[in-house]
Amino acid sequence: MTATTFFLVRHGTTDAVGQRLVGRRPDVPLNAAGRAQCERVATFLAGLPLAAVYSSPLERAAQTAQAVARPHGLEVRVREALIDIEFGEWSNETLAALRDRPEFRRFNAQRAGHAPPGGEHPALVQARMVTELCRLRDAHPGAAVVVVGHADPLRAALAFFLGVAIDLARRLELEPECVTRLELSDTDASLRFLNCEPTATPLVL
C-alpha cells in the first residue's frame, strides 16, 4: 500500500491551555490568539492537495479544522476516536492545584501504569488513536490528510508509531497550532517533522 501522509495538528490555544485540564469539557472554544493561530495553520497547509480533514468533536479542534478545510472546499469529518483524554476527577482542575498531588506526578512519570481517577487509561487512549489513524490510512492510500486533535492523544499515537514507550510520550512536544508530518503505510511509519510552527509560506509536498 502507498503511504498516507498525515498532517497532525494540535488545535489552537484556549484560555485553559497551560492553566487547567479540560479534557472533554464541551465549553472550551479558541480564544483570540487561538483563532489567529488556526488561520496561520490554514495558510501553511493551503497549498497541499488534501483529500480530507478530520477532527475531534470538541469545539476547539473543530474550529481549527474548519479553518484548515475552508481553502480546500472540504467538509470537516468528525471522529469520536480523536477526542481528548477523559481526565475523570481531574477535569477542569487547575494545573497549579494538581502539580503537588502524588497521583498526578505518578500519572505523568509512569503513564503505562496509571490513569486519572475515574478517567481513561493512557493505553486505551493510544489504542483508539492508533486504530483510527490506521482506518484513515486505509481509507486514503497515497493521499494527504489533516487530523486535528489534542496533545495527549496525538503524543500517544506518535509514541506507538515511533516505538517509544508511552511513559516517554510527553517528551514529544506538541504545542498549540503546530503541525507534525507522519507517513503511514501498512508496513511502516516515518516521521518527517515534529511540532512545526506554521509559516506564511504555504507548505508543499
N, C-alpha and C. Protein backbone atom coordinates (compact mmCIF):
# COMPACT_ATOMS: atom_id res chain seq x y z
N MET A 1 0.84 -1.20 0.00
CA MET A 1 0.00 0.00 0.00
C MET A 1 0.88 1.25 0.00
N THR A 2 0.52 2.23 -0.84
CA THR A 2 1.23 3.50 -0.85
C THR A 2 0.97 4.25 0.45
N ALA A 3 1.99 4.88 0.99
CA ALA A 3 1.86 5.55 2.29
C ALA A 3 0.88 6.71 2.23
N THR A 4 0.15 6.89 3.31
CA THR A 4 -0.70 8.05 3.51
C THR A 4 0.09 9.08 4.29
N THR A 5 0.01 10.34 3.86
CA THR A 5 0.70 11.42 4.56
C THR A 5 -0.27 12.12 5.49
N PHE A 6 0.02 12.05 6.78
CA PHE A 6 -0.81 12.70 7.79
C PHE A 6 -0.15 13.99 8.25
N PHE A 7 -0.95 15.04 8.29
CA PHE A 7 -0.54 16.27 8.96
C PHE A 7 -1.35 16.36 10.25
N LEU A 8 -0.69 16.07 11.35
CA LEU A 8 -1.33 16.05 12.66
C LEU A 8 -1.21 17.43 13.28
N VAL A 9 -2.34 18.02 13.63
CA VAL A 9 -2.38 19.39 14.11
C VAL A 9 -2.99 19.43 15.51
N ARG A 10 -2.25 20.01 16.45
CA ARG A 10 -2.88 20.31 17.74
C ARG A 10 -3.69 21.59 17.57
N HIS A 11 -4.89 21.61 18.12
CA HIS A 11 -5.78 22.77 18.00
C HIS A 11 -5.10 24.05 18.51
N GLY A 12 -5.66 25.18 18.12
CA GLY A 12 -5.17 26.46 18.60
C GLY A 12 -5.39 26.65 20.09
N THR A 13 -4.79 27.70 20.62
CA THR A 13 -4.80 27.89 22.07
C THR A 13 -6.17 28.36 22.57
N THR A 14 -6.42 28.06 23.82
CA THR A 14 -7.64 28.47 24.52
C THR A 14 -7.22 29.12 25.84
N ASP A 15 -8.17 29.66 26.55
CA ASP A 15 -7.85 30.25 27.85
C ASP A 15 -7.41 29.20 28.86
N ALA A 16 -7.69 27.94 28.58
CA ALA A 16 -7.34 26.87 29.52
C ALA A 16 -5.94 26.31 29.30
N VAL A 17 -5.35 26.50 28.12
CA VAL A 17 -4.05 25.90 27.82
C VAL A 17 -3.00 26.40 28.82
N GLY A 18 -2.34 25.43 29.46
CA GLY A 18 -1.32 25.76 30.45
C GLY A 18 -1.88 26.14 31.80
N GLN A 19 -3.23 26.15 31.92
CA GLN A 19 -3.86 26.57 33.17
C GLN A 19 -4.70 25.48 33.81
N ARG A 20 -5.54 24.82 33.00
CA ARG A 20 -6.47 23.82 33.51
C ARG A 20 -6.48 22.58 32.63
N LEU A 21 -6.82 21.45 33.23
CA LEU A 21 -7.05 20.22 32.47
C LEU A 21 -8.52 20.17 32.10
N VAL A 22 -8.83 20.46 30.85
CA VAL A 22 -10.25 20.49 30.47
C VAL A 22 -10.72 19.19 29.85
N GLY A 23 -9.80 18.42 29.26
CA GLY A 23 -10.19 17.13 28.71
C GLY A 23 -11.36 17.24 27.75
N ARG A 24 -12.47 16.60 28.11
CA ARG A 24 -13.62 16.54 27.20
C ARG A 24 -14.70 17.58 27.47
N ARG A 25 -14.41 18.57 28.30
CA ARG A 25 -15.41 19.63 28.52
C ARG A 25 -15.78 20.25 27.17
N PRO A 26 -17.07 20.47 26.93
CA PRO A 26 -17.50 20.96 25.62
C PRO A 26 -17.40 22.47 25.46
N ASP A 27 -17.27 23.21 26.55
CA ASP A 27 -17.39 24.67 26.51
C ASP A 27 -16.03 25.36 26.55
N VAL A 28 -15.11 24.91 25.69
CA VAL A 28 -13.75 25.47 25.69
C VAL A 28 -13.39 25.86 24.25
N PRO A 29 -13.84 27.02 23.80
CA PRO A 29 -13.53 27.47 22.43
C PRO A 29 -12.14 28.07 22.35
N LEU A 30 -11.68 28.29 21.13
CA LEU A 30 -10.44 29.03 20.92
C LEU A 30 -10.61 30.46 21.42
N ASN A 31 -9.53 31.02 21.95
CA ASN A 31 -9.55 32.44 22.27
C ASN A 31 -9.05 33.22 21.05
N ALA A 32 -8.87 34.53 21.20
CA ALA A 32 -8.46 35.35 20.05
C ALA A 32 -7.12 34.89 19.49
N ALA A 33 -6.18 34.57 20.38
CA ALA A 33 -4.87 34.08 19.91
C ALA A 33 -5.03 32.76 19.18
N GLY A 34 -5.90 31.88 19.69
CA GLY A 34 -6.12 30.59 19.04
C GLY A 34 -6.76 30.72 17.68
N ARG A 35 -7.67 31.67 17.53
CA ARG A 35 -8.30 31.89 16.22
C ARG A 35 -7.26 32.39 15.21
N ALA A 36 -6.37 33.24 15.66
CA ALA A 36 -5.30 33.71 14.77
C ALA A 36 -4.36 32.56 14.41
N GLN A 37 -4.09 31.69 15.38
CA GLN A 37 -3.23 30.54 15.12
C GLN A 37 -3.83 29.63 14.05
N CYS A 38 -5.12 29.35 14.15
CA CYS A 38 -5.70 28.39 13.19
C CYS A 38 -5.73 28.99 11.79
N GLU A 39 -5.80 30.30 11.67
CA GLU A 39 -5.69 30.92 10.35
C GLU A 39 -4.28 30.77 9.79
N ARG A 40 -3.26 30.82 10.67
CA ARG A 40 -1.88 30.59 10.22
C ARG A 40 -1.71 29.15 9.75
N VAL A 41 -2.31 28.21 10.49
CA VAL A 41 -2.24 26.81 10.07
C VAL A 41 -2.91 26.64 8.71
N ALA A 42 -4.05 27.29 8.52
CA ALA A 42 -4.78 27.20 7.26
C ALA A 42 -3.93 27.70 6.10
N THR A 43 -3.24 28.82 6.30
CA THR A 43 -2.35 29.36 5.27
C THR A 43 -1.20 28.41 4.98
N PHE A 44 -0.63 27.84 6.03
CA PHE A 44 0.51 26.94 5.92
C PHE A 44 0.16 25.70 5.11
N LEU A 45 -1.07 25.20 5.28
CA LEU A 45 -1.49 23.97 4.62
C LEU A 45 -2.30 24.20 3.34
N ALA A 46 -2.48 25.46 2.96
CA ALA A 46 -3.38 25.78 1.85
C ALA A 46 -2.91 25.24 0.51
N GLY A 47 -1.61 25.04 0.34
CA GLY A 47 -1.09 24.59 -0.95
C GLY A 47 -1.05 23.09 -1.13
N LEU A 48 -1.47 22.34 -0.12
CA LEU A 48 -1.42 20.89 -0.20
C LEU A 48 -2.65 20.31 -0.89
N PRO A 49 -2.49 19.21 -1.61
CA PRO A 49 -3.63 18.54 -2.24
C PRO A 49 -4.33 17.62 -1.23
N LEU A 50 -5.06 18.21 -0.31
CA LEU A 50 -5.66 17.44 0.77
C LEU A 50 -6.86 16.62 0.29
N ALA A 51 -6.89 15.37 0.74
CA ALA A 51 -8.04 14.52 0.44
C ALA A 51 -9.15 14.67 1.47
N ALA A 52 -8.78 15.01 2.71
CA ALA A 52 -9.77 15.09 3.78
C ALA A 52 -9.18 15.82 4.97
N VAL A 53 -10.08 16.39 5.79
CA VAL A 53 -9.71 16.99 7.06
C VAL A 53 -10.58 16.35 8.13
N TYR A 54 -9.95 15.74 9.12
CA TYR A 54 -10.64 15.07 10.21
C TYR A 54 -10.41 15.82 11.51
N SER A 55 -11.37 15.71 12.43
CA SER A 55 -11.28 16.46 13.68
C SER A 55 -11.88 15.69 14.84
N SER A 56 -11.34 15.95 16.01
CA SER A 56 -12.01 15.62 17.26
C SER A 56 -13.35 16.35 17.30
N PRO A 57 -14.33 15.83 18.03
CA PRO A 57 -15.62 16.51 18.11
C PRO A 57 -15.62 17.76 19.00
N LEU A 58 -14.56 17.98 19.77
CA LEU A 58 -14.54 19.11 20.69
C LEU A 58 -14.38 20.43 19.94
N GLU A 59 -15.01 21.47 20.47
CA GLU A 59 -15.13 22.75 19.78
C GLU A 59 -13.79 23.32 19.35
N ARG A 60 -12.81 23.29 20.23
CA ARG A 60 -11.52 23.91 19.92
C ARG A 60 -10.83 23.24 18.74
N ALA A 61 -10.98 21.92 18.63
CA ALA A 61 -10.41 21.20 17.49
C ALA A 61 -11.23 21.45 16.23
N ALA A 62 -12.55 21.42 16.36
CA ALA A 62 -13.41 21.63 15.19
C ALA A 62 -13.20 23.02 14.59
N GLN A 63 -13.03 24.04 15.44
CA GLN A 63 -12.78 25.38 14.94
C GLN A 63 -11.48 25.43 14.13
N THR A 64 -10.46 24.78 14.64
CA THR A 64 -9.18 24.74 13.94
C THR A 64 -9.32 24.00 12.62
N ALA A 65 -9.99 22.86 12.65
CA ALA A 65 -10.17 22.05 11.44
C ALA A 65 -10.97 22.80 10.38
N GLN A 66 -11.99 23.54 10.79
CA GLN A 66 -12.80 24.29 9.83
C GLN A 66 -11.96 25.33 9.10
N ALA A 67 -11.05 25.98 9.82
CA ALA A 67 -10.18 26.96 9.17
C ALA A 67 -9.27 26.28 8.15
N VAL A 68 -8.76 25.11 8.49
CA VAL A 68 -7.87 24.37 7.58
C VAL A 68 -8.63 23.89 6.35
N ALA A 69 -9.85 23.41 6.55
CA ALA A 69 -10.62 22.83 5.45
C ALA A 69 -11.13 23.87 4.46
N ARG A 70 -11.37 25.09 4.94
CA ARG A 70 -12.03 26.11 4.13
C ARG A 70 -11.34 26.40 2.79
N PRO A 71 -10.02 26.61 2.74
CA PRO A 71 -9.39 26.91 1.46
C PRO A 71 -9.48 25.77 0.45
N HIS A 72 -9.73 24.56 0.94
CA HIS A 72 -9.78 23.38 0.07
C HIS A 72 -11.21 23.01 -0.34
N GLY A 73 -12.18 23.75 0.20
CA GLY A 73 -13.57 23.42 -0.11
C GLY A 73 -14.00 22.08 0.46
N LEU A 74 -13.39 21.68 1.58
CA LEU A 74 -13.68 20.38 2.19
C LEU A 74 -14.58 20.54 3.40
N GLU A 75 -15.39 19.52 3.66
CA GLU A 75 -16.16 19.45 4.89
C GLU A 75 -15.32 18.74 5.95
N VAL A 76 -15.35 19.25 7.16
CA VAL A 76 -14.64 18.59 8.26
C VAL A 76 -15.37 17.31 8.63
N ARG A 77 -14.61 16.23 8.73
CA ARG A 77 -15.18 14.94 9.12
C ARG A 77 -14.83 14.69 10.59
N VAL A 78 -15.85 14.64 11.43
CA VAL A 78 -15.64 14.48 12.87
C VAL A 78 -15.53 13.00 13.22
N ARG A 79 -14.55 12.68 14.05
CA ARG A 79 -14.35 11.31 14.50
C ARG A 79 -14.25 11.28 16.03
N GLU A 80 -15.15 10.54 16.66
CA GLU A 80 -15.16 10.44 18.12
C GLU A 80 -13.85 9.89 18.67
N ALA A 81 -13.20 9.02 17.90
CA ALA A 81 -11.97 8.40 18.37
C ALA A 81 -10.83 9.40 18.54
N LEU A 82 -10.97 10.60 17.97
CA LEU A 82 -9.92 11.62 18.06
C LEU A 82 -10.11 12.55 19.25
N ILE A 83 -11.11 12.28 20.09
CA ILE A 83 -11.43 13.15 21.21
C ILE A 83 -10.28 13.17 22.23
N ASP A 84 -10.27 14.19 23.07
CA ASP A 84 -9.24 14.32 24.10
C ASP A 84 -9.40 13.22 25.15
N ILE A 85 -8.37 13.05 25.97
CA ILE A 85 -8.40 12.09 27.06
C ILE A 85 -9.47 12.48 28.07
N GLU A 86 -10.11 11.49 28.68
CA GLU A 86 -11.07 11.73 29.76
C GLU A 86 -10.27 11.79 31.07
N PHE A 87 -10.26 12.96 31.69
CA PHE A 87 -9.48 13.14 32.91
C PHE A 87 -10.25 12.83 34.18
N GLY A 88 -11.49 12.41 34.08
CA GLY A 88 -12.23 11.99 35.25
C GLY A 88 -12.31 13.07 36.32
N GLU A 89 -11.90 12.73 37.54
CA GLU A 89 -11.99 13.66 38.67
C GLU A 89 -11.08 14.86 38.52
N TRP A 90 -10.12 14.78 37.62
CA TRP A 90 -9.22 15.92 37.42
C TRP A 90 -9.76 16.93 36.40
N SER A 91 -10.85 16.63 35.75
CA SER A 91 -11.38 17.52 34.72
C SER A 91 -11.68 18.90 35.29
N ASN A 92 -11.16 19.90 34.62
CA ASN A 92 -11.32 21.32 34.95
C ASN A 92 -10.54 21.75 36.19
N GLU A 93 -9.70 20.87 36.71
CA GLU A 93 -8.80 21.26 37.82
C GLU A 93 -7.68 22.13 37.25
N THR A 94 -7.18 23.05 38.05
CA THR A 94 -6.04 23.84 37.61
C THR A 94 -4.77 23.01 37.74
N LEU A 95 -3.84 23.28 36.84
CA LEU A 95 -2.55 22.58 36.91
C LEU A 95 -1.82 22.94 38.20
N ALA A 96 -1.97 24.16 38.66
CA ALA A 96 -1.33 24.57 39.91
C ALA A 96 -1.81 23.71 41.08
N ALA A 97 -3.10 23.37 41.09
CA ALA A 97 -3.63 22.55 42.17
C ALA A 97 -3.21 21.09 42.05
N LEU A 98 -2.99 20.63 40.82
CA LEU A 98 -2.67 19.21 40.60
C LEU A 98 -1.19 18.89 40.78
N ARG A 99 -0.32 19.85 40.56
CA ARG A 99 1.12 19.56 40.49
C ARG A 99 1.67 18.93 41.76
N ASP A 100 1.11 19.27 42.91
CA ASP A 100 1.64 18.75 44.17
C ASP A 100 1.02 17.44 44.60
N ARG A 101 0.09 16.90 43.82
CA ARG A 101 -0.56 15.65 44.19
C ARG A 101 0.28 14.47 43.71
N PRO A 102 0.61 13.55 44.62
CA PRO A 102 1.45 12.41 44.23
C PRO A 102 0.86 11.60 43.08
N GLU A 103 -0.46 11.44 43.05
CA GLU A 103 -1.07 10.63 41.99
C GLU A 103 -0.93 11.31 40.63
N PHE A 104 -0.93 12.63 40.61
CA PHE A 104 -0.74 13.35 39.35
C PHE A 104 0.71 13.23 38.88
N ARG A 105 1.65 13.32 39.81
CA ARG A 105 3.05 13.16 39.44
C ARG A 105 3.31 11.75 38.93
N ARG A 106 2.70 10.74 39.56
CA ARG A 106 2.88 9.36 39.10
C ARG A 106 2.29 9.18 37.71
N PHE A 107 1.13 9.78 37.46
CA PHE A 107 0.49 9.69 36.15
C PHE A 107 1.41 10.23 35.06
N ASN A 108 2.06 11.34 35.30
CA ASN A 108 2.94 11.94 34.30
C ASN A 108 4.27 11.22 34.16
N ALA A 109 4.72 10.56 35.23
CA ALA A 109 6.01 9.87 35.17
C ALA A 109 5.88 8.45 34.63
N GLN A 110 4.75 7.79 34.91
CA GLN A 110 4.59 6.38 34.55
C GLN A 110 3.18 6.14 33.99
N ARG A 111 2.95 6.64 32.81
CA ARG A 111 1.60 6.56 32.26
C ARG A 111 1.17 5.14 31.90
N ALA A 112 2.12 4.26 31.70
CA ALA A 112 1.75 2.88 31.39
C ALA A 112 1.03 2.22 32.56
N GLY A 113 1.26 2.73 33.76
CA GLY A 113 0.69 2.08 34.94
C GLY A 113 -0.32 2.89 35.70
N HIS A 114 -0.70 4.08 35.18
CA HIS A 114 -1.59 4.94 35.94
C HIS A 114 -2.61 5.62 35.03
N ALA A 115 -3.78 5.86 35.58
CA ALA A 115 -4.84 6.58 34.87
C ALA A 115 -5.39 7.66 35.79
N PRO A 116 -5.96 8.71 35.25
CA PRO A 116 -6.63 9.69 36.11
C PRO A 116 -7.76 9.02 36.88
N PRO A 117 -8.01 9.41 38.12
CA PRO A 117 -9.11 8.78 38.88
C PRO A 117 -10.44 8.98 38.18
N GLY A 118 -11.08 7.87 37.84
CA GLY A 118 -12.34 7.93 37.11
C GLY A 118 -12.19 8.28 35.65
N GLY A 119 -10.94 8.28 35.16
CA GLY A 119 -10.68 8.69 33.78
C GLY A 119 -10.23 7.56 32.89
N GLU A 120 -9.64 7.92 31.77
CA GLU A 120 -9.26 6.99 30.71
C GLU A 120 -7.79 6.61 30.84
N HIS A 121 -7.50 5.33 30.77
CA HIS A 121 -6.11 4.88 30.86
C HIS A 121 -5.36 5.27 29.58
N PRO A 122 -4.12 5.76 29.72
CA PRO A 122 -3.35 6.16 28.53
C PRO A 122 -3.21 5.05 27.49
N ALA A 123 -3.16 3.80 27.91
CA ALA A 123 -3.06 2.72 26.94
C ALA A 123 -4.31 2.63 26.07
N LEU A 124 -5.47 2.95 26.65
CA LEU A 124 -6.71 2.95 25.87
C LEU A 124 -6.76 4.16 24.93
N VAL A 125 -6.23 5.28 25.39
CA VAL A 125 -6.12 6.45 24.52
C VAL A 125 -5.28 6.10 23.30
N GLN A 126 -4.13 5.48 23.56
CA GLN A 126 -3.23 5.12 22.47
C GLN A 126 -3.90 4.14 21.51
N ALA A 127 -4.60 3.15 22.05
CA ALA A 127 -5.22 2.13 21.20
C ALA A 127 -6.27 2.74 20.28
N ARG A 128 -7.12 3.62 20.80
CA ARG A 128 -8.17 4.20 19.94
C ARG A 128 -7.58 5.14 18.89
N MET A 129 -6.52 5.86 19.26
CA MET A 129 -5.90 6.76 18.29
C MET A 129 -5.20 5.99 17.17
N VAL A 130 -4.45 4.98 17.54
CA VAL A 130 -3.73 4.19 16.54
C VAL A 130 -4.73 3.48 15.62
N THR A 131 -5.77 2.91 16.20
CA THR A 131 -6.79 2.24 15.40
C THR A 131 -7.42 3.21 14.41
N GLU A 132 -7.74 4.42 14.85
CA GLU A 132 -8.37 5.41 13.97
C GLU A 132 -7.42 5.85 12.87
N LEU A 133 -6.16 6.11 13.19
CA LEU A 133 -5.21 6.52 12.15
C LEU A 133 -5.00 5.41 11.13
N CYS A 134 -5.02 4.18 11.57
CA CYS A 134 -4.90 3.07 10.62
C CYS A 134 -6.13 2.97 9.72
N ARG A 135 -7.31 3.25 10.28
CA ARG A 135 -8.52 3.28 9.46
C ARG A 135 -8.42 4.37 8.40
N LEU A 136 -7.96 5.54 8.80
CA LEU A 136 -7.84 6.66 7.87
C LEU A 136 -6.76 6.38 6.83
N ARG A 137 -5.69 5.75 7.23
CA ARG A 137 -4.65 5.33 6.27
C ARG A 137 -5.25 4.44 5.20
N ASP A 138 -6.04 3.46 5.63
CA ASP A 138 -6.64 2.53 4.67
C ASP A 138 -7.68 3.20 3.78
N ALA A 139 -8.33 4.24 4.31
CA ALA A 139 -9.34 4.94 3.53
C ALA A 139 -8.74 5.91 2.51
N HIS A 140 -7.48 6.33 2.74
CA HIS A 140 -6.85 7.34 1.88
C HIS A 140 -5.44 6.93 1.47
N PRO A 141 -5.28 5.78 0.84
CA PRO A 141 -3.92 5.36 0.46
C PRO A 141 -3.28 6.34 -0.53
N GLY A 142 -2.05 6.74 -0.23
CA GLY A 142 -1.33 7.62 -1.13
C GLY A 142 -1.75 9.08 -1.08
N ALA A 143 -2.69 9.42 -0.20
CA ALA A 143 -3.23 10.78 -0.15
C ALA A 143 -2.64 11.55 1.03
N ALA A 144 -2.95 12.85 1.07
CA ALA A 144 -2.58 13.71 2.19
C ALA A 144 -3.83 14.04 2.99
N VAL A 145 -3.74 13.88 4.30
CA VAL A 145 -4.89 14.03 5.19
C VAL A 145 -4.47 14.86 6.40
N VAL A 146 -5.34 15.75 6.84
CA VAL A 146 -5.12 16.50 8.07
C VAL A 146 -5.97 15.91 9.18
N VAL A 147 -5.36 15.75 10.35
CA VAL A 147 -6.08 15.29 11.54
C VAL A 147 -5.84 16.33 12.64
N VAL A 148 -6.91 16.93 13.12
CA VAL A 148 -6.81 17.94 14.18
C VAL A 148 -7.28 17.33 15.50
N GLY A 149 -6.42 17.40 16.50
CA GLY A 149 -6.75 16.78 17.76
C GLY A 149 -6.10 17.47 18.94
N HIS A 150 -5.72 16.65 19.92
CA HIS A 150 -5.30 17.14 21.23
C HIS A 150 -3.94 16.56 21.59
N ALA A 151 -3.23 17.26 22.46
CA ALA A 151 -1.83 16.94 22.72
C ALA A 151 -1.62 15.51 23.21
N ASP A 152 -2.29 15.12 24.27
CA ASP A 152 -2.03 13.79 24.84
C ASP A 152 -2.38 12.66 23.88
N PRO A 153 -3.55 12.65 23.26
CA PRO A 153 -3.84 11.58 22.30
C PRO A 153 -2.89 11.55 21.11
N LEU A 154 -2.56 12.72 20.56
CA LEU A 154 -1.63 12.75 19.43
C LEU A 154 -0.25 12.23 19.83
N ARG A 155 0.23 12.63 21.02
CA ARG A 155 1.52 12.12 21.50
C ARG A 155 1.48 10.60 21.66
N ALA A 156 0.38 10.09 22.20
CA ALA A 156 0.28 8.64 22.41
C ALA A 156 0.36 7.89 21.09
N ALA A 157 -0.31 8.41 20.05
CA ALA A 157 -0.25 7.76 18.74
C ALA A 157 1.15 7.83 18.16
N LEU A 158 1.78 8.98 18.25
CA LEU A 158 3.15 9.12 17.73
C LEU A 158 4.10 8.18 18.44
N ALA A 159 3.95 8.06 19.75
CA ALA A 159 4.82 7.17 20.52
C ALA A 159 4.71 5.74 19.98
N PHE A 160 3.49 5.30 19.69
CA PHE A 160 3.31 3.95 19.16
C PHE A 160 4.04 3.78 17.84
N PHE A 161 3.81 4.69 16.90
CA PHE A 161 4.40 4.52 15.57
C PHE A 161 5.91 4.72 15.56
N LEU A 162 6.43 5.42 16.55
CA LEU A 162 7.89 5.63 16.64
C LEU A 162 8.57 4.60 17.52
N GLY A 163 7.80 3.72 18.13
CA GLY A 163 8.39 2.71 19.01
C GLY A 163 8.91 3.28 20.31
N VAL A 164 8.24 4.33 20.79
CA VAL A 164 8.63 4.99 22.04
C VAL A 164 7.68 4.54 23.15
N ALA A 165 8.22 4.21 24.32
CA ALA A 165 7.38 3.80 25.44
C ALA A 165 6.40 4.92 25.78
N ILE A 166 5.18 4.54 26.13
CA ILE A 166 4.16 5.55 26.42
C ILE A 166 4.55 6.40 27.62
N ASP A 167 5.36 5.86 28.53
CA ASP A 167 5.85 6.66 29.66
C ASP A 167 6.68 7.86 29.19
N LEU A 168 7.25 7.77 27.99
CA LEU A 168 8.12 8.82 27.48
C LEU A 168 7.44 9.72 26.46
N ALA A 169 6.16 9.50 26.23
CA ALA A 169 5.46 10.24 25.18
C ALA A 169 5.45 11.74 25.43
N ARG A 170 5.48 12.16 26.69
CA ARG A 170 5.45 13.59 26.99
C ARG A 170 6.70 14.31 26.50
N ARG A 171 7.73 13.56 26.14
CA ARG A 171 8.93 14.18 25.57
C ARG A 171 8.69 14.65 24.13
N LEU A 172 7.61 14.20 23.52
CA LEU A 172 7.25 14.63 22.17
C LEU A 172 6.43 15.92 22.31
N GLU A 173 7.09 17.04 22.17
CA GLU A 173 6.42 18.32 22.38
C GLU A 173 5.44 18.61 21.24
N LEU A 174 4.21 18.93 21.60
CA LEU A 174 3.18 19.31 20.63
C LEU A 174 2.51 20.58 21.14
N GLU A 175 2.87 21.69 20.58
CA GLU A 175 2.33 22.97 21.02
C GLU A 175 1.08 23.33 20.22
N PRO A 176 0.23 24.21 20.76
CA PRO A 176 -0.95 24.63 20.00
C PRO A 176 -0.56 25.18 18.64
N GLU A 177 -1.33 24.83 17.63
CA GLU A 177 -1.23 25.21 16.22
C GLU A 177 -0.11 24.51 15.47
N CYS A 178 0.81 23.84 16.16
CA CYS A 178 1.95 23.25 15.46
C CYS A 178 1.54 21.98 14.70
N VAL A 179 2.30 21.70 13.66
CA VAL A 179 1.97 20.65 12.70
C VAL A 179 3.06 19.58 12.71
N THR A 180 2.64 18.33 12.68
CA THR A 180 3.56 17.19 12.62
C THR A 180 3.22 16.37 11.38
N ARG A 181 4.24 15.96 10.63
CA ARG A 181 4.02 15.16 9.43
C ARG A 181 4.44 13.72 9.67
N LEU A 182 3.48 12.82 9.54
CA LEU A 182 3.71 11.39 9.75
C LEU A 182 3.23 10.65 8.51
N GLU A 183 4.07 9.77 7.98
CA GLU A 183 3.67 8.96 6.83
C GLU A 183 3.48 7.52 7.27
N LEU A 184 2.33 6.95 6.92
CA LEU A 184 1.99 5.59 7.32
C LEU A 184 1.65 4.73 6.11
N SER A 185 2.29 3.58 6.03
CA SER A 185 1.87 2.55 5.10
C SER A 185 1.37 1.38 5.93
N ASP A 186 0.99 0.29 5.29
CA ASP A 186 0.53 -0.85 6.08
C ASP A 186 1.67 -1.62 6.72
N THR A 187 2.91 -1.24 6.42
CA THR A 187 4.05 -1.95 6.99
C THR A 187 5.06 -1.04 7.68
N ASP A 188 4.90 0.28 7.57
CA ASP A 188 5.95 1.16 8.07
C ASP A 188 5.38 2.50 8.48
N ALA A 189 6.18 3.25 9.24
CA ALA A 189 5.84 4.61 9.64
C ALA A 189 7.09 5.46 9.56
N SER A 190 6.92 6.71 9.15
CA SER A 190 8.06 7.62 9.02
C SER A 190 7.65 9.02 9.49
N LEU A 191 8.39 9.55 10.47
CA LEU A 191 8.15 10.91 10.95
C LEU A 191 8.99 11.87 10.13
N ARG A 192 8.34 12.77 9.40
CA ARG A 192 9.05 13.72 8.55
C ARG A 192 9.41 15.00 9.29
N PHE A 193 8.48 15.50 10.11
CA PHE A 193 8.82 16.60 11.01
C PHE A 193 7.84 16.61 12.18
N LEU A 194 8.27 17.22 13.28
CA LEU A 194 7.51 17.21 14.53
C LEU A 194 7.35 18.64 15.03
N ASN A 195 6.12 19.00 15.42
CA ASN A 195 5.88 20.26 16.14
C ASN A 195 6.37 21.47 15.35
N CYS A 196 6.05 21.50 14.06
CA CYS A 196 6.49 22.58 13.19
C CYS A 196 5.55 23.78 13.32
N GLU A 197 6.12 24.94 13.62
CA GLU A 197 5.31 26.15 13.71
C GLU A 197 4.95 26.63 12.30
N PRO A 198 3.68 26.94 12.05
CA PRO A 198 3.27 27.38 10.71
C PRO A 198 3.99 28.67 10.28
N THR A 199 4.25 28.76 9.01
CA THR A 199 4.85 29.97 8.45
C THR A 199 3.89 30.57 7.44
N ALA A 200 4.20 31.80 6.98
CA ALA A 200 3.35 32.46 5.99
C ALA A 200 3.53 31.88 4.60
N THR A 201 4.58 31.05 4.43
CA THR A 201 4.81 30.39 3.15
C THR A 201 4.13 29.04 3.15
N PRO A 202 3.19 28.79 2.25
CA PRO A 202 2.49 27.50 2.24
C PRO A 202 3.44 26.32 2.06
N LEU A 203 3.15 25.26 2.75
CA LEU A 203 3.93 24.04 2.66
C LEU A 203 3.64 23.34 1.33
N VAL A 204 4.65 22.66 0.79
CA VAL A 204 4.44 21.85 -0.42
C VAL A 204 4.94 20.44 -0.15
N LEU A 205 4.33 19.48 -0.81
CA LEU A 205 4.76 18.08 -0.69
C LEU A 205 5.95 17.83 -1.60
